[in-house]
Amino acid sequence: MNYRTILVHLDTSERAALRLDSALRVARKFNAHLDGLFAVFSPELQGFHVMAGSATWFEQHRHEREQHRASVKRLYAAELARADVKGNWMRAEGDPNVDVPRRARAADLVIASQTDHDDPNAFVAEDFIENLVLSAGRPVLLLPRSGQFETIGKRVLVAWDGSREASRALYDALPFIARAEQTTVLTIGEPGKPADAFVSGTEIALTLARHNAMVNVDHASGASVGDVLLTRANDGGHDLIVMGAYGHGRWRELVMGGASRTVLESMTAPVLMSH
């Protein structure tokens, strides 16, 4: 099993170049084709038609977006050539929350970044990352909004509770796990409750071992699964967390599970999520 087509989200944020660099290293690791999908926030003219001078502002804003897009496209082409990686440039059309997940479904792996509230250029759409994770139907590798990551996937931490989402994430991460120096399957139980998933964790570790993975099983307890997971990842020097994403859409609101929400907000290592 391998990743043959990888899609990286590109924009005009401060982290875009680092995201592209990480995506190129992952693409080279798996000898994959790397598509770059440019998607940024685009205000709609209809929302400004009652404001005096809004048409001029809108046209100026559109011109600036086109300049930035051209700059990112040049960077993407130059970096692909430098890394000797094949890929195609793409541009999202319409609502990014609709078009980006749609295009992501043609990829084996999607690479994006954790939401960065301190960078205005990082805003693409409301709940963009949450929507991508829950609706793409593909594994999404999220890079934290701070730090640099020279390695991704040498030491893997798998959050395992025996659920459908956890199973989906684990098997989506097999290309990383099969190449990792060490993979830890971590089951997390609440205080005072039996570790029902521990046997399941042992069974899934045996399955991974048949893929020639170097794997061990560990267990932890804590009231906040997300906090326990992040702490174990940091203490163990893991450079990739693998976990199922729990959540659903309710009317116009996205509702994320507690552990998923905690990790999305506070990750300090790359996280591969599947729903």
Protein backbone atom coordinates (compact mmCIF):
# COMPACT_ATOMS: atom_id res chain seq x y z
CA MET A 1 0.00 0.00 0.00
CA ASN A 2 1.30 3.45 -0.86
CA TYR A 3 0.29 7.05 -1.45
CA ARG A 4 0.53 7.68 -5.18
CA THR A 5 -1.42 10.95 -5.41
CA ILE A 6 -1.07 13.63 -2.74
CA LEU A 7 -2.97 16.91 -2.66
CA VAL A 8 -1.58 19.90 -0.75
CA HIS A 9 -3.67 22.96 0.05
CA LEU A 10 -1.87 26.18 -0.87
CA ASP A 11 -2.79 29.76 0.01
CA THR A 12 -1.12 33.09 0.83
CA SER A 13 -0.63 32.42 4.54
CA GLU A 14 2.72 32.66 6.30
CA ARG A 15 2.93 28.86 6.61
CA ALA A 16 2.20 28.07 2.96
CA ALA A 17 5.86 27.69 1.93
CA LEU A 18 6.65 25.43 4.89
CA ARG A 19 3.54 23.36 4.13
CA LEU A 20 4.68 22.94 0.54
CA ASP A 21 8.15 21.92 1.70
CA SER A 22 6.71 19.26 4.01
CA ALA A 23 4.39 18.03 1.26
CA LEU A 24 7.32 17.69 -1.14
CA ARG A 25 9.26 15.63 1.39
CA VAL A 26 6.27 13.35 1.91
CA ALA A 27 5.78 13.04 -1.85
CA ARG A 28 9.41 12.07 -2.36
CA LYS A 29 9.20 9.55 0.48
CA PHE A 30 6.36 7.74 -1.28
CA ASN A 31 7.39 8.55 -4.87
CA ALA A 32 4.03 10.29 -5.23
CA HIS A 33 2.47 12.79 -7.62
CA LEU A 34 1.88 16.09 -5.75
CA ASP A 35 -1.04 18.29 -6.80
CA GLY A 36 -1.16 21.84 -5.46
CA LEU A 37 -4.66 23.22 -4.87
CA PHE A 38 -4.83 26.97 -4.37
CA ALA A 39 -7.81 28.02 -2.25
CA VAL A 40 -8.22 31.34 -0.44
CA PHE A 41 -11.03 33.42 0.96
CA SER A 42 -12.87 35.26 -1.79
CA PRO A 43 -15.48 37.87 -0.80
CA GLU A 44 -18.62 37.95 -2.93
CA LEU A 45 -19.47 41.16 -4.74
CA GLN A 46 -23.15 40.77 -3.89
CA GLY A 47 -22.37 41.35 -0.24
CA PHE A 48 -20.97 44.82 -0.97
CA HIS A 49 -23.42 46.21 -3.51
CA VAL A 50 -25.03 48.60 -1.01
CA MET A 51 -21.72 50.14 0.10
CA ALA A 52 -20.42 53.24 -1.64
CA GLY A 53 -17.18 52.53 -3.51
CA SER A 54 -17.48 48.81 -2.88
CA ALA A 55 -17.06 47.89 -6.55
CA THR A 56 -13.68 49.65 -6.65
CA TRP A 57 -12.56 47.94 -3.45
CA PHE A 58 -13.72 44.57 -4.71
CA GLU A 59 -11.83 44.95 -8.00
CA GLN A 60 -8.66 45.99 -6.19
CA HIS A 61 -8.98 43.04 -3.83
CA ARG A 62 -9.48 40.67 -6.76
CA HIS A 63 -6.39 42.07 -8.50
CA GLU A 64 -4.29 41.53 -5.37
CA ARG A 65 -5.56 37.96 -5.03
CA GLU A 66 -4.54 37.25 -8.62
CA GLN A 67 -1.05 38.63 -7.98
CA HIS A 68 -0.67 36.49 -4.86
CA ARG A 69 -1.99 33.44 -6.68
CA ALA A 70 0.56 33.92 -9.47
CA SER A 71 3.35 34.23 -6.90
CA VAL A 72 2.35 31.00 -5.13
CA LYS A 73 2.03 29.23 -8.48
CA ARG A 74 5.58 30.23 -9.41
CA LEU A 75 6.84 29.00 -6.02
CA TYR A 76 5.02 25.69 -6.47
CA ALA A 77 6.48 25.13 -9.95
CA ALA A 78 10.01 26.05 -8.85
CA GLU A 79 9.90 23.81 -5.78
CA LEU A 80 8.51 20.86 -7.76
CA ALA A 81 11.36 21.19 -10.23
CA ARG A 82 13.94 21.50 -7.46
CA ALA A 83 12.62 18.38 -5.68
CA ASP A 84 12.15 16.47 -8.97
CA VAL A 85 8.51 15.73 -8.09
CA LYS A 86 5.70 15.61 -10.63
CA GLY A 87 2.44 17.46 -10.00
CA ASN A 88 -0.33 19.67 -11.31
CA TRP A 89 -1.45 23.14 -10.29
CA MET A 90 -5.15 23.54 -9.50
CA ARG A 91 -7.33 26.39 -8.34
CA ALA A 92 -10.48 26.04 -6.26
CA GLU A 93 -13.60 27.43 -7.86
CA GLY A 94 -16.48 28.78 -5.81
CA ASP A 95 -16.91 27.91 -2.15
CA PRO A 96 -13.69 26.32 -0.79
CA ASN A 97 -15.76 24.25 1.66
CA VAL A 98 -17.37 22.58 -1.34
CA ASP A 99 -14.64 22.49 -3.97
CA VAL A 100 -11.61 21.53 -1.85
CA PRO A 101 -13.21 18.37 -0.36
CA ARG A 102 -14.54 17.47 -3.81
CA ARG A 103 -11.09 17.63 -5.36
CA ALA A 104 -9.54 15.92 -2.34
CA ARG A 105 -11.54 12.78 -3.06
CA ALA A 106 -9.27 12.05 -6.02
CA ALA A 107 -6.17 11.94 -3.78
CA ASP A 108 -4.70 9.21 -1.58
CA LEU A 109 -3.63 11.77 1.02
CA VAL A 110 -4.47 15.43 1.64
CA ILE A 111 -2.06 17.83 3.35
CA ALA A 112 -3.28 21.01 5.03
CA SER A 113 -2.49 23.10 8.11
CA GLN A 114 -4.04 23.62 11.51
CA THR A 115 -6.21 26.72 11.68
CA ASP A 116 -4.10 29.80 12.46
CA HIS A 117 -6.22 32.52 14.05
CA ASP A 118 -3.25 34.93 14.19
CA ASP A 119 -2.74 35.06 10.42
CA PRO A 120 -5.58 36.77 8.50
CA ASN A 121 -4.34 35.27 5.23
CA ALA A 122 -4.84 31.78 6.65
CA PHE A 123 -8.61 32.19 6.73
CA VAL A 124 -10.14 30.29 3.80
CA ALA A 125 -13.72 29.67 4.91
CA GLU A 126 -15.67 29.13 8.11
CA ASP A 127 -14.61 25.83 9.75
CA PHE A 128 -12.49 25.07 6.70
CA ILE A 129 -10.27 22.41 8.29
CA GLU A 130 -13.08 20.77 10.25
CA ASN A 131 -15.19 20.61 7.10
CA LEU A 132 -12.30 19.17 5.08
CA VAL A 133 -11.62 16.42 7.63
CA LEU A 134 -15.28 15.44 7.95
CA SER A 135 -16.34 15.66 4.31
CA ALA A 136 -13.32 14.81 2.11
CA GLY A 137 -13.58 11.07 2.66
CA ARG A 138 -9.78 10.93 2.51
CA PRO A 139 -7.06 10.99 5.19
CA VAL A 140 -5.96 14.53 5.99
CA LEU A 141 -2.44 15.18 7.26
CA LEU A 142 -2.54 18.37 9.31
CA LEU A 143 0.60 20.36 10.09
CA PRO A 144 0.66 22.49 13.27
CA ARG A 145 0.49 26.25 12.91
CA SER A 146 3.94 26.66 14.51
CA GLY A 147 7.23 24.80 14.39
CA GLN A 148 9.17 23.03 11.68
CA PHE A 149 9.02 19.30 11.08
CA GLU A 150 12.10 17.72 9.58
CA THR A 151 10.59 14.24 9.89
CA ILE A 152 6.99 13.05 9.65
CA GLY A 153 6.22 9.45 10.47
CA LYS A 154 9.46 8.07 11.96
CA ARG A 155 7.76 7.59 15.34
CA VAL A 156 3.99 7.12 15.02
CA LEU A 157 1.40 7.26 17.80
CA VAL A 158 -1.96 5.65 16.96
CA ALA A 159 -5.00 6.56 19.07
CA TRP A 160 -7.01 3.35 19.26
CA ASP A 161 -10.46 2.75 20.75
CA GLY A 162 -11.68 0.03 18.42
CA SER A 163 -14.10 2.38 16.65
CA ARG A 164 -14.84 2.65 12.94
CA GLU A 165 -13.12 6.05 12.79
CA ALA A 166 -9.98 4.76 14.54
CA SER A 167 -9.84 1.76 12.22
CA ARG A 168 -10.24 3.96 9.16
CA ALA A 169 -7.43 6.27 10.30
CA LEU A 170 -5.08 3.43 11.13
CA TYR A 171 -5.45 1.74 7.75
CA ASP A 172 -5.25 5.09 5.96
CA ALA A 173 -1.91 5.62 7.73
CA LEU A 174 -0.45 2.21 6.78
CA PRO A 175 2.07 3.67 4.31
CA PHE A 176 3.56 5.74 7.17
CA ILE A 177 3.28 2.92 9.73
CA ALA A 178 4.95 0.34 7.48
CA ARG A 179 7.99 2.63 7.12
CA ALA A 180 8.13 3.96 10.68
CA GLU A 181 11.00 3.17 13.03
CA GLN A 182 8.43 2.63 15.78
CA THR A 183 4.64 2.70 16.05
CA THR A 184 2.78 2.78 19.36
CA VAL A 185 -0.88 1.78 19.52
CA LEU A 186 -2.25 3.78 22.45
CA THR A 187 -5.56 2.87 24.08
CA ILE A 188 -7.00 5.50 26.40
CA GLY A 189 -9.55 4.72 29.09
CA GLU A 190 -11.43 6.94 31.50
CA PRO A 191 -10.47 6.70 35.21
CA GLY A 192 -12.30 3.92 37.01
CA LYS A 193 -13.45 2.19 33.84
CA PRO A 194 -12.00 -1.07 32.44
CA ALA A 195 -9.74 -0.83 29.41
CA ASP A 196 -12.13 -2.67 27.10
CA ALA A 197 -10.19 -1.57 24.03
CA PHE A 198 -6.85 -2.90 25.26
CA VAL A 199 -7.31 -6.42 23.88
CA SER A 200 -8.50 -4.86 20.63
CA GLY A 201 -5.34 -2.76 20.67
CA THR A 202 -3.23 -5.90 21.04
CA GLU A 203 -5.06 -7.53 18.14
CA ILE A 204 -4.60 -4.54 15.87
CA ALA A 205 -0.90 -4.41 16.81
CA LEU A 206 -0.54 -8.01 15.60
CA THR A 207 -2.23 -7.05 12.35
CA LEU A 208 0.21 -4.17 11.90
CA ALA A 209 3.14 -6.46 12.65
CA ARG A 210 2.08 -8.58 9.68
CA HIS A 211 2.71 -5.47 7.57
CA ASN A 212 6.30 -5.59 8.89
CA ALA A 213 5.61 -2.67 11.23
CA MET A 214 7.66 -2.22 14.38
CA VAL A 215 4.78 -1.86 16.84
CA ASN A 216 4.02 -1.93 20.54
CA VAL A 217 0.88 -1.37 22.63
CA ASP A 218 0.44 1.08 25.49
CA HIS A 219 -2.47 2.21 27.64
CA ALA A 220 -3.28 5.47 29.38
CA SER A 221 -6.13 6.87 31.44
CA GLY A 222 -7.46 10.39 31.63
CA ALA A 223 -10.61 12.43 31.70
CA SER A 224 -9.58 14.27 28.52
CA VAL A 225 -8.61 11.84 25.78
CA GLY A 226 -7.26 14.65 23.61
CA ASP A 227 -4.98 16.01 26.33
CA VAL A 228 -3.67 12.54 27.19
CA LEU A 229 -2.94 11.86 23.53
CA LEU A 230 -1.06 15.14 23.04
CA THR A 231 0.95 14.63 26.23
CA ARG A 232 1.96 11.09 25.27
CA ALA A 233 2.94 12.24 21.79
CA ASN A 234 5.13 15.00 23.19
CA ASP A 235 6.74 12.86 25.91
CA GLY A 236 7.45 10.02 23.49
CA GLY A 237 8.96 12.19 20.77
CA HIS A 238 6.36 11.11 18.23
CA ASP A 239 6.39 13.02 14.94
CA LEU A 240 2.99 11.76 13.73
CA ILE A 241 -0.31 11.19 15.52
CA VAL A 242 -2.91 9.00 13.83
CA MET A 243 -6.51 9.28 15.00
CA GLY A 244 -10.09 9.01 13.90
CA ALA A 245 -12.02 12.26 13.57
CA TYR A 246 -15.36 12.28 15.34
CA GLY A 247 -18.03 14.74 14.35
CA HIS A 248 -21.04 15.50 12.18
CA GLY A 249 -22.88 18.36 10.58
CA ARG A 250 -25.98 19.70 12.30
CA TRP A 251 -27.90 22.13 10.10
CA ARG A 252 -25.27 24.80 9.36
CA GLU A 253 -23.07 23.93 12.34
CA LEU A 254 -20.20 21.47 12.45
CA VAL A 255 -20.03 19.52 15.69
CA MET A 256 -16.63 17.97 16.44
CA GLY A 257 -16.04 15.32 19.10
CA GLY A 258 -14.17 16.36 22.24
CA ALA A 259 -10.86 14.61 21.50
CA SER A 260 -10.90 15.70 17.85
CA ARG A 261 -11.59 19.30 18.85
CA THR A 262 -8.80 19.31 21.46
CA VAL A 263 -6.22 17.96 19.03
CA LEU A 264 -7.30 20.32 16.24
CA GLU A 265 -6.87 23.27 18.59
CA SER A 266 -3.69 22.25 20.43
CA MET A 267 -1.60 19.93 18.21
CA THR A 268 2.16 20.33 18.37
CA ALA A 269 3.02 17.42 16.02
CA PRO A 270 1.59 16.49 12.62
CA VAL A 271 -1.74 14.66 12.86
CA LEU A 272 -3.28 12.30 10.33
CA MET A 273 -7.06 12.30 10.72
CA SER A 274 -9.72 10.22 8.98
CA HIS A 275 -13.48 10.25 9.32
